[in-house]
Amino acid sequence: MSVPARSQALGVIADRRGRGLTNSTSGSAAIAETCRSQDRLPHFFRLAVDARIWKTGIGTYTVNLLREIRRVDGEFRVSAIVRAEAEGMMAGMCDETRVVDAPIYSLQEQLRIPAAAGECDLLHVPHYNVPALYRGRMVVTIHDLTHLTDPAFRNSAKAWLYARPMLKMAAKKASHVITVSGFSKQQIIEYLGVRPEKVSVIYNGLGSQFCLIDRATAKEKVRSTLNIEPPYLLFVGNLKPHKNLGRLLRAFALLRERGRTNLTLVLVGDDRKRKQSVMGECARLGISEVVRHVPWVAEDLLPQLYASADLVVMPSTSEGFGFPVLEAMACGTPVVCSNATSLPEVGGDAVEYFDPYNVEEMAAAIERVLDSPSLQAEMREKGLKQAAKFTWEECARKHLEVYRKVLELQGV
């Protein structure tokens, strides 16, 4: 049997599109059945995607990629490697789910992911935690090099013992590397020694739930659900050091000192490890009563939070992409944003930028927008146009191009 035919035969195992076989069918029986029906079956490739990260920015990327590949393509049969808790959600986005409840960054995942992806034509790992023992074709997405370049991470034991060697191995083992911004591509080339032609920039897309919403309706929803009263500034993201919350809190305190006592700062994002230090800094600055921390919001409520905010502030010192910038623009909310790393690629000319290391400049940028209704209207208009450039459909189509290129170059 030819290599493509064998790939096809193996791919039929557990295919949920009506081939009549399940996981309980033996591999040899599946291959035999497929050989008898070669004339009836179209050729397809088996793609495995490690989808165990289904929250945070990486999770947003993986979930939307799976959903769109299933919608726009008929050439790949997709197996999603998932955690048990997410299996139900992921089942409708792929042809098959394979449960691997191994923790991220663990020895267990190094042993179990190769087995889960074993007979597939291509494995896509959407983070740098690649399986060292996997011997097949592999595409890896490296979103950023924060763990190598950011001062808060780069000298830590975790960076030296795990991130640094794993990133280098991921770049070396991968048949191709995908990243989410031109800035990240340049860093991958520089720090990991990857040839430029081995790295493709594919921008993330925007979820359809992020769109223009009536502000009055949104304000009432936020008020009744979270008991948050406008006006407020909004930050969305985790509480890790590169998110630069310390300087954001100081800039907010400065605004309060200058008379903007009616403003609240809303922080959306969970991080049990760092929450105490963030809340401690609020207490030190005397702003605890006007800072609201919301660890998590439902998917349908987040657009309402964006829409009813006066401004969204993105103060990061480092980002691979920057979803909140894109999501806020799509909801018609002005964005005041750090000028660091990849963020200008996402914001374009639609946002107000500042130096993330300069608290005074951050506060001044916020004031500049708050004080000018005409600037706000201009930013809303530009933001909607900028956000429309980013779609998950286009993202998925470009991923499929990479997959086909890898399979074609390696003779599948």
Protein backbone atom coordinates (compact mmCIF):
# COMPACT_ATOMS: atom_id res chain seq x y z
CA MET A 1 0.00 0.00 0.00
CA SER A 2 1.33 3.50 -0.83
CA VAL A 3 2.33 5.99 1.88
CA PRO A 4 -0.69 8.24 1.21
CA ALA A 5 -2.97 5.23 1.26
CA ARG A 6 -1.50 4.08 4.55
CA SER A 7 -1.91 7.55 6.04
CA GLN A 8 -5.48 7.54 4.84
CA ALA A 9 -6.15 4.12 6.28
CA LEU A 10 -4.71 4.99 9.66
CA GLY A 11 -6.61 8.24 9.60
CA VAL A 12 -9.94 6.50 9.40
CA ILE A 13 -9.57 5.11 12.90
CA ALA A 14 -12.04 6.88 15.17
CA ASP A 15 -13.09 9.27 12.38
CA ARG A 16 -16.42 10.66 13.44
CA ARG A 17 -17.63 11.60 9.99
CA GLY A 18 -19.52 8.42 9.31
CA ARG A 19 -16.77 5.97 8.29
CA GLY A 20 -18.27 3.38 10.58
CA LEU A 21 -15.18 2.80 12.75
CA THR A 22 -14.53 3.72 16.37
CA ASN A 23 -11.58 3.76 18.76
CA SER A 24 -12.35 0.18 19.64
CA THR A 25 -11.64 -0.95 16.07
CA SER A 26 -8.19 -2.47 15.76
CA GLY A 27 -5.63 -0.69 13.56
CA SER A 28 -5.21 -3.70 11.26
CA ALA A 29 -8.95 -4.08 10.77
CA ALA A 30 -9.28 -0.40 9.98
CA ILE A 31 -6.49 -0.57 7.40
CA ALA A 32 -7.96 -3.68 5.81
CA GLU A 33 -11.38 -2.11 5.56
CA THR A 34 -9.89 1.04 4.03
CA CYS A 35 -7.88 -0.94 1.48
CA ARG A 36 -11.08 -2.63 0.32
CA SER A 37 -12.74 0.76 -0.17
CA GLN A 38 -9.95 2.89 -1.67
CA ASP A 39 -12.06 3.66 -4.71
CA ARG A 40 -14.82 5.02 -2.50
CA LEU A 41 -12.78 7.19 -0.14
CA PRO A 42 -11.26 10.61 -0.94
CA HIS A 43 -7.67 11.14 0.18
CA PHE A 44 -7.19 13.10 3.38
CA PHE A 45 -4.48 13.81 5.94
CA ARG A 46 -4.59 13.21 9.68
CA LEU A 47 -3.79 16.28 11.74
CA ALA A 48 -3.35 16.06 15.52
CA VAL A 49 -3.56 19.28 17.55
CA ASP A 50 -2.48 19.46 21.18
CA ALA A 51 -5.48 21.39 22.53
CA ARG A 52 -4.96 20.83 26.26
CA ILE A 53 -4.53 24.57 26.81
CA TRP A 54 -8.03 25.86 26.22
CA LYS A 55 -8.05 28.98 28.41
CA THR A 56 -5.91 32.15 28.22
CA GLY A 57 -4.68 33.62 24.95
CA ILE A 58 -3.18 30.34 23.75
CA GLY A 59 -6.49 28.64 24.39
CA THR A 60 -8.38 31.31 22.43
CA TYR A 61 -5.99 30.73 19.53
CA THR A 62 -6.31 26.93 19.63
CA VAL A 63 -10.09 26.75 20.03
CA ASN A 64 -10.78 29.21 17.21
CA LEU A 65 -8.24 27.56 14.93
CA LEU A 66 -9.89 24.16 15.41
CA ARG A 67 -13.35 25.59 14.83
CA GLU A 68 -12.39 27.35 11.60
CA ILE A 69 -10.34 24.49 10.15
CA ARG A 70 -13.36 22.24 10.52
CA ARG A 71 -15.55 24.86 8.83
CA VAL A 72 -13.35 25.76 5.83
CA ASP A 73 -11.42 22.57 5.04
CA GLY A 74 -12.28 19.04 3.94
CA GLU A 75 -8.76 17.74 3.34
CA PHE A 76 -7.65 17.26 6.95
CA ARG A 77 -9.19 15.00 9.56
CA VAL A 78 -8.46 16.61 12.91
CA SER A 79 -7.79 14.83 16.19
CA ALA A 80 -7.78 17.19 19.18
CA ILE A 81 -5.71 16.07 22.16
CA VAL A 82 -7.69 17.44 25.10
CA ARG A 83 -8.18 17.40 28.84
CA ALA A 84 -11.18 15.42 30.08
CA GLU A 85 -12.89 18.56 31.40
CA ALA A 86 -12.84 20.16 27.93
CA GLU A 87 -13.72 17.10 25.86
CA GLY A 88 -17.39 17.96 25.54
CA MET A 89 -16.66 21.49 24.38
CA MET A 90 -13.98 20.40 21.91
CA ALA A 91 -15.89 17.47 20.40
CA GLY A 92 -17.86 19.65 18.01
CA MET A 93 -14.73 21.33 16.67
CA CYS A 94 -12.90 18.26 15.37
CA ASP A 95 -13.35 14.75 14.02
CA GLU A 96 -12.04 13.04 17.13
CA THR A 97 -10.97 13.87 20.66
CA ARG A 98 -8.19 12.04 22.47
CA VAL A 99 -8.06 12.63 26.22
CA VAL A 100 -4.62 13.21 27.73
CA ASP A 101 -4.88 14.59 31.24
CA ALA A 102 -1.17 15.33 31.54
CA PRO A 103 -0.16 18.68 33.08
CA ILE A 104 1.45 21.27 30.84
CA TYR A 105 5.27 21.37 31.16
CA SER A 106 5.34 17.90 32.74
CA LEU A 107 7.29 14.68 32.15
CA GLN A 108 3.94 12.95 31.76
CA GLU A 109 3.06 14.99 28.67
CA GLN A 110 6.42 14.14 27.15
CA LEU A 111 5.50 10.46 27.30
CA ARG A 112 1.81 10.61 26.43
CA ILE A 113 1.57 13.16 23.62
CA PRO A 114 3.73 11.13 21.18
CA ALA A 115 1.48 8.12 21.75
CA ALA A 116 -1.69 10.18 21.27
CA ALA A 117 -0.41 11.63 17.99
CA GLY A 118 1.42 8.51 16.83
CA GLU A 119 -0.32 7.57 13.58
CA CYS A 120 -1.14 11.09 12.39
CA ASP A 121 0.54 12.69 9.38
CA LEU A 122 1.23 15.94 11.23
CA LEU A 123 1.21 17.18 14.83
CA HIS A 124 0.57 20.85 15.63
CA VAL A 125 1.70 22.00 19.07
CA PRO A 126 0.32 25.50 19.79
CA HIS A 127 2.92 26.26 22.49
CA TYR A 128 6.60 25.52 22.92
CA ASN A 129 6.08 22.49 25.21
CA VAL A 130 6.84 20.10 22.36
CA PRO A 131 7.20 16.33 22.92
CA ALA A 132 10.91 15.54 22.74
CA LEU A 133 10.26 11.88 21.87
CA TYR A 134 7.96 12.58 18.94
CA ARG A 135 9.56 11.53 15.64
CA GLY A 136 6.93 12.63 13.14
CA ARG A 137 6.31 15.85 11.27
CA MET A 138 5.50 18.72 13.60
CA VAL A 139 4.44 22.36 13.37
CA VAL A 140 4.90 24.46 16.52
CA THR A 141 3.48 27.86 17.36
CA ILE A 142 5.78 30.08 19.42
CA HIS A 143 3.70 33.09 20.42
CA ASP A 144 6.48 35.08 22.03
CA LEU A 145 9.83 34.80 23.78
CA THR A 146 8.78 36.50 27.01
CA HIS A 147 10.50 33.82 29.10
CA LEU A 148 13.81 34.57 27.39
CA THR A 149 13.67 38.33 26.95
CA ASP A 150 11.61 39.87 29.75
CA PRO A 151 13.68 40.88 32.81
CA ALA A 152 11.00 39.51 35.13
CA PHE A 153 11.45 35.98 33.69
CA ARG A 154 14.73 35.56 31.87
CA ASN A 155 16.96 34.99 34.91
CA SER A 156 14.55 32.72 36.78
CA ALA A 157 15.27 29.05 37.41
CA LYS A 158 12.23 28.13 35.31
CA ALA A 159 13.61 30.07 32.35
CA TRP A 160 17.05 28.46 32.56
CA LEU A 161 15.93 24.93 33.37
CA TYR A 162 12.85 24.69 31.15
CA ALA A 163 11.91 27.59 28.87
CA ARG A 164 15.31 28.20 27.31
CA PRO A 165 16.14 24.57 26.39
CA MET A 166 12.54 23.79 25.38
CA LEU A 167 12.23 26.80 23.10
CA LYS A 168 15.48 25.91 21.36
CA MET A 169 14.42 22.29 21.00
CA ALA A 170 10.98 23.30 19.70
CA ALA A 171 12.52 25.52 17.03
CA LYS A 172 14.98 22.80 16.01
CA LYS A 173 12.56 19.84 15.96
CA ALA A 174 9.71 21.61 14.22
CA SER A 175 9.26 21.17 10.49
CA HIS A 176 7.93 24.72 10.53
CA VAL A 177 7.37 27.45 13.13
CA ILE A 178 4.30 29.68 13.24
CA THR A 179 4.22 32.89 15.24
CA VAL A 180 1.63 35.62 15.69
CA SER A 181 3.50 38.85 14.95
CA GLY A 182 6.40 40.19 12.94
CA PHE A 183 8.06 41.26 16.18
CA SER A 184 7.98 37.70 17.52
CA LYS A 185 9.38 36.37 14.24
CA GLN A 186 12.40 38.63 14.50
CA GLN A 187 13.00 37.52 18.07
CA ILE A 188 12.72 33.83 17.11
CA ILE A 189 15.28 34.34 14.35
CA GLU A 190 17.61 36.27 16.65
CA TYR A 191 17.39 34.27 19.89
CA LEU A 192 16.70 30.77 18.59
CA GLY A 193 18.80 30.85 15.42
CA VAL A 194 15.94 29.85 13.11
CA ARG A 195 16.14 30.51 9.37
CA PRO A 196 13.67 33.23 8.30
CA GLU A 197 12.02 30.96 5.74
CA LYS A 198 11.20 28.43 8.47
CA VAL A 199 9.00 30.94 10.35
CA SER A 200 5.57 32.14 9.19
CA VAL A 201 3.71 35.09 10.71
CA ILE A 202 -0.01 34.40 10.97
CA TYR A 203 -2.03 36.97 12.90
CA ASN A 204 -4.75 35.83 15.29
CA GLY A 205 -8.40 36.46 14.51
CA LEU A 206 -11.31 38.03 16.31
CA GLY A 207 -14.27 36.22 17.85
CA SER A 208 -17.67 37.12 16.42
CA GLN A 209 -18.95 38.01 19.91
CA PHE A 210 -16.73 41.10 19.88
CA CYS A 211 -18.75 43.66 17.96
CA LEU A 212 -20.53 46.98 18.38
CA ILE A 213 -22.97 46.82 21.28
CA ASP A 214 -25.36 49.48 22.52
CA ARG A 215 -23.45 51.16 25.36
CA ALA A 216 -26.52 51.82 27.49
CA THR A 217 -27.51 48.16 27.30
CA ALA A 218 -23.96 47.07 28.06
CA LYS A 219 -23.70 49.38 31.08
CA GLU A 220 -26.93 48.00 32.53
CA LYS A 221 -25.73 44.40 32.00
CA VAL A 222 -22.41 45.10 33.73
CA ARG A 223 -24.16 46.95 36.55
CA SER A 224 -26.65 44.17 37.21
CA THR A 225 -24.19 41.29 36.82
CA LEU A 226 -20.99 42.60 38.39
CA ASN A 227 -22.20 45.64 40.33
CA ILE A 228 -19.70 47.85 38.48
CA GLU A 229 -20.72 51.44 37.81
CA PRO A 230 -19.22 53.51 34.98
CA PRO A 231 -17.09 55.43 34.39
CA TYR A 232 -14.23 52.94 34.53
CA LEU A 233 -10.94 52.04 32.92
CA LEU A 234 -10.57 48.39 31.95
CA PHE A 235 -7.58 46.05 31.95
CA VAL A 236 -7.98 42.47 30.64
CA GLY A 237 -5.22 39.90 31.09
CA ASN A 238 -3.36 37.87 33.69
CA LEU A 239 -1.38 39.45 36.50
CA LYS A 240 2.11 38.34 35.45
CA PRO A 241 4.99 40.84 35.70
CA HIS A 242 5.16 41.64 31.97
CA LYS A 243 1.57 42.87 32.11
CA ASN A 244 3.02 45.88 33.95
CA LEU A 245 0.18 46.30 36.44
CA GLY A 246 2.40 48.03 39.00
CA ARG A 247 2.90 51.01 36.72
CA LEU A 248 -0.75 50.98 35.66
CA LEU A 249 -1.79 51.21 39.31
CA ARG A 250 0.62 54.11 39.88
CA ALA A 251 -0.69 55.90 36.78
CA PHE A 252 -4.25 55.41 38.03
CA ALA A 253 -3.32 56.77 41.46
CA LEU A 254 -1.79 59.79 39.70
CA LEU A 255 -5.04 60.39 37.84
CA ARG A 256 -6.90 60.28 41.15
CA GLU A 257 -4.51 62.84 42.63
CA ARG A 258 -5.26 65.12 39.68
CA GLY A 259 -8.95 65.12 40.46
CA ARG A 260 -10.38 62.18 38.53
CA THR A 261 -11.99 60.75 41.64
CA ASN A 262 -15.05 59.41 39.83
CA LEU A 263 -13.03 56.75 37.93
CA THR A 264 -12.84 53.07 38.83
CA LEU A 265 -10.16 50.70 37.53
CA VAL A 266 -11.44 47.22 36.66
CA LEU A 267 -8.90 44.38 36.39
CA VAL A 268 -10.21 41.24 34.65
CA GLY A 269 -7.99 38.16 34.91
CA ASP A 270 -7.07 35.49 37.40
CA ASP A 271 -3.69 34.78 38.96
CA ARG A 272 -3.89 33.38 42.48
CA LYS A 273 -0.13 33.49 42.83
CA ARG A 274 0.14 37.23 42.17
CA LYS A 275 -3.23 38.60 43.27
CA GLN A 276 -2.04 39.30 46.81
CA SER A 277 0.88 41.46 45.67
CA VAL A 278 -1.35 43.42 43.26
CA MET A 279 -3.94 44.05 45.97
CA GLY A 280 -1.13 44.99 48.37
CA GLU A 281 0.10 47.61 45.91
CA CYS A 282 -3.44 49.00 45.68
CA ALA A 283 -3.52 49.34 49.46
CA ARG A 284 -0.12 51.05 49.51
CA LEU A 285 -1.31 53.59 46.92
CA GLY A 286 -4.62 54.15 48.73
CA ILE A 287 -6.78 53.04 45.79
CA SER A 288 -8.18 49.74 47.09
CA GLU A 289 -11.72 51.10 47.22
CA VAL A 290 -11.70 52.10 43.56
CA VAL A 291 -9.96 49.07 42.04
CA ARG A 292 -12.17 46.08 41.25
CA HIS A 293 -10.59 42.70 40.55
CA VAL A 294 -12.80 40.30 38.57
CA PRO A 295 -11.00 36.94 38.27
CA TRP A 296 -13.19 35.59 35.46
CA VAL A 297 -16.16 36.63 33.32
CA ALA A 298 -18.37 34.58 31.04
CA GLU A 299 -17.63 34.72 27.32
CA ASP A 300 -20.85 36.59 26.59
CA LEU A 301 -20.21 39.18 29.32
CA LEU A 302 -16.69 40.22 28.29
CA PRO A 303 -17.87 42.18 25.21
CA GLN A 304 -20.31 44.03 27.49
CA LEU A 305 -17.43 44.96 29.80
CA TYR A 306 -15.45 46.29 26.86
CA ALA A 307 -18.40 48.21 25.43
CA SER A 308 -19.30 50.00 28.66
CA ALA A 309 -15.71 50.95 29.58
CA ASP A 310 -14.53 54.50 28.97
CA LEU A 311 -11.11 53.22 27.94
CA VAL A 312 -9.23 49.95 27.72
CA VAL A 313 -5.62 50.20 28.90
CA MET A 314 -2.96 47.73 27.72
CA PRO A 315 0.26 48.55 29.64
CA SER A 316 2.34 45.42 28.85
CA THR A 317 6.09 45.57 28.46
CA SER A 318 5.96 42.46 26.27
CA GLU A 319 3.25 40.74 24.21
CA GLY A 320 3.29 38.18 21.43
CA PHE A 321 0.02 39.59 20.09
CA GLY A 322 -2.41 41.39 22.43
CA PHE A 323 -6.00 40.12 22.17
CA PRO A 324 -7.55 42.81 24.44
CA VAL A 325 -6.46 45.57 22.04
CA LEU A 326 -8.24 43.87 19.15
CA GLU A 327 -11.33 42.91 21.16
CA ALA A 328 -11.79 46.41 22.59
CA MET A 329 -11.49 48.07 19.16
CA ALA A 330 -14.11 45.69 17.76
CA CYS A 331 -16.49 46.71 20.57
CA GLY A 332 -16.02 50.39 19.76
CA THR A 333 -14.01 51.27 22.87
CA PRO A 334 -10.92 53.53 22.63
CA VAL A 335 -7.64 51.85 23.55
CA VAL A 336 -4.64 53.40 25.28
CA CYS A 337 -1.73 51.07 24.73
CA SER A 338 1.94 50.37 25.32
CA ASN A 339 4.16 50.98 22.30
CA ALA A 340 6.22 47.88 23.10
CA THR A 341 6.94 44.73 21.10
CA SER A 342 4.04 43.49 18.90
CA LEU A 343 1.29 45.81 20.12
CA PRO A 344 1.62 48.47 17.37
CA GLU A 345 1.09 45.70 14.78
CA VAL A 346 -2.33 45.00 16.31
CA GLY A 347 -3.36 48.57 17.17
CA GLY A 348 -2.12 50.25 13.99
CA ASP A 349 -3.00 53.95 13.95
CA ALA A 350 -6.23 53.40 15.90
CA VAL A 351 -4.88 53.57 19.46
CA GLU A 352 -3.08 56.08 21.68
CA TYR A 353 0.41 54.83 22.57
CA PHE A 354 2.71 55.40 25.53
CA ASP A 355 6.06 54.22 26.85
CA PRO A 356 5.16 51.37 29.25
CA TYR A 357 8.08 52.21 31.53
CA ASN A 358 6.97 55.84 32.00
CA VAL A 359 4.13 56.23 34.51
CA GLU A 360 3.67 59.93 33.78
CA GLU A 361 3.40 59.27 30.03
CA MET A 362 0.85 56.51 30.65
CA ALA A 363 -1.30 58.79 32.80
CA ALA A 364 -1.02 61.61 30.25
CA ALA A 365 -2.15 59.34 27.40
CA ILE A 366 -5.20 58.26 29.39
CA GLU A 367 -6.05 61.90 30.21
CA ARG A 368 -5.59 62.98 26.61
CA VAL A 369 -8.27 60.56 25.42
CA LEU A 370 -10.65 61.10 28.35
CA ASP A 371 -10.52 64.87 27.78
CA SER A 372 -11.32 64.76 24.05
CA PRO A 373 -14.68 63.44 22.82
CA SER A 374 -13.58 64.14 19.24
CA LEU A 375 -10.44 62.03 19.70
CA GLN A 376 -12.55 59.24 21.19
CA ALA A 377 -14.89 59.31 18.17
CA GLU A 378 -11.92 59.21 15.79
CA MET A 379 -10.36 56.29 17.68
CA ARG A 380 -13.63 54.35 17.62
CA GLU A 381 -13.95 54.74 13.87
CA LYS A 382 -10.34 53.78 13.19
CA GLY A 383 -10.53 50.93 15.71
CA LEU A 384 -13.48 49.28 13.98
CA LYS A 385 -11.63 49.39 10.65
CA GLN A 386 -8.44 48.01 12.19
CA ALA A 387 -10.23 45.18 14.00
CA ALA A 388 -11.96 44.10 10.78
CA LYS A 389 -8.56 43.13 9.33
CA PHE A 390 -8.21 40.19 11.73
CA THR A 391 -10.37 37.11 11.11
CA TRP A 392 -10.11 33.51 12.29
CA GLU A 393 -11.07 32.30 8.83
CA GLU A 394 -8.00 33.94 7.30
CA CYS A 395 -5.90 32.65 10.19
CA ALA A 396 -7.10 29.08 9.59
CA ARG A 397 -6.55 29.25 5.82
CA LYS A 398 -2.95 30.37 6.34
CA HIS A 399 -2.37 27.54 8.82
CA LEU A 400 -3.69 25.08 6.27
CA GLU A 401 -1.21 26.47 3.73
CA VAL A 402 1.62 25.79 6.18
CA TYR A 403 0.39 22.25 6.89
CA ARG A 404 0.20 21.45 3.15
CA LYS A 405 3.64 22.93 2.54
CA VAL A 406 5.18 20.80 5.31
CA LEU A 407 3.52 17.61 4.05
CA GLU A 408 4.43 18.36 0.45
CA LEU A 409 8.11 19.10 1.22
CA GLN A 410 8.40 15.92 3.28
CA GLY A 411 6.84 13.68 0.67
CA VAL A 412 3.52 12.72 2.22
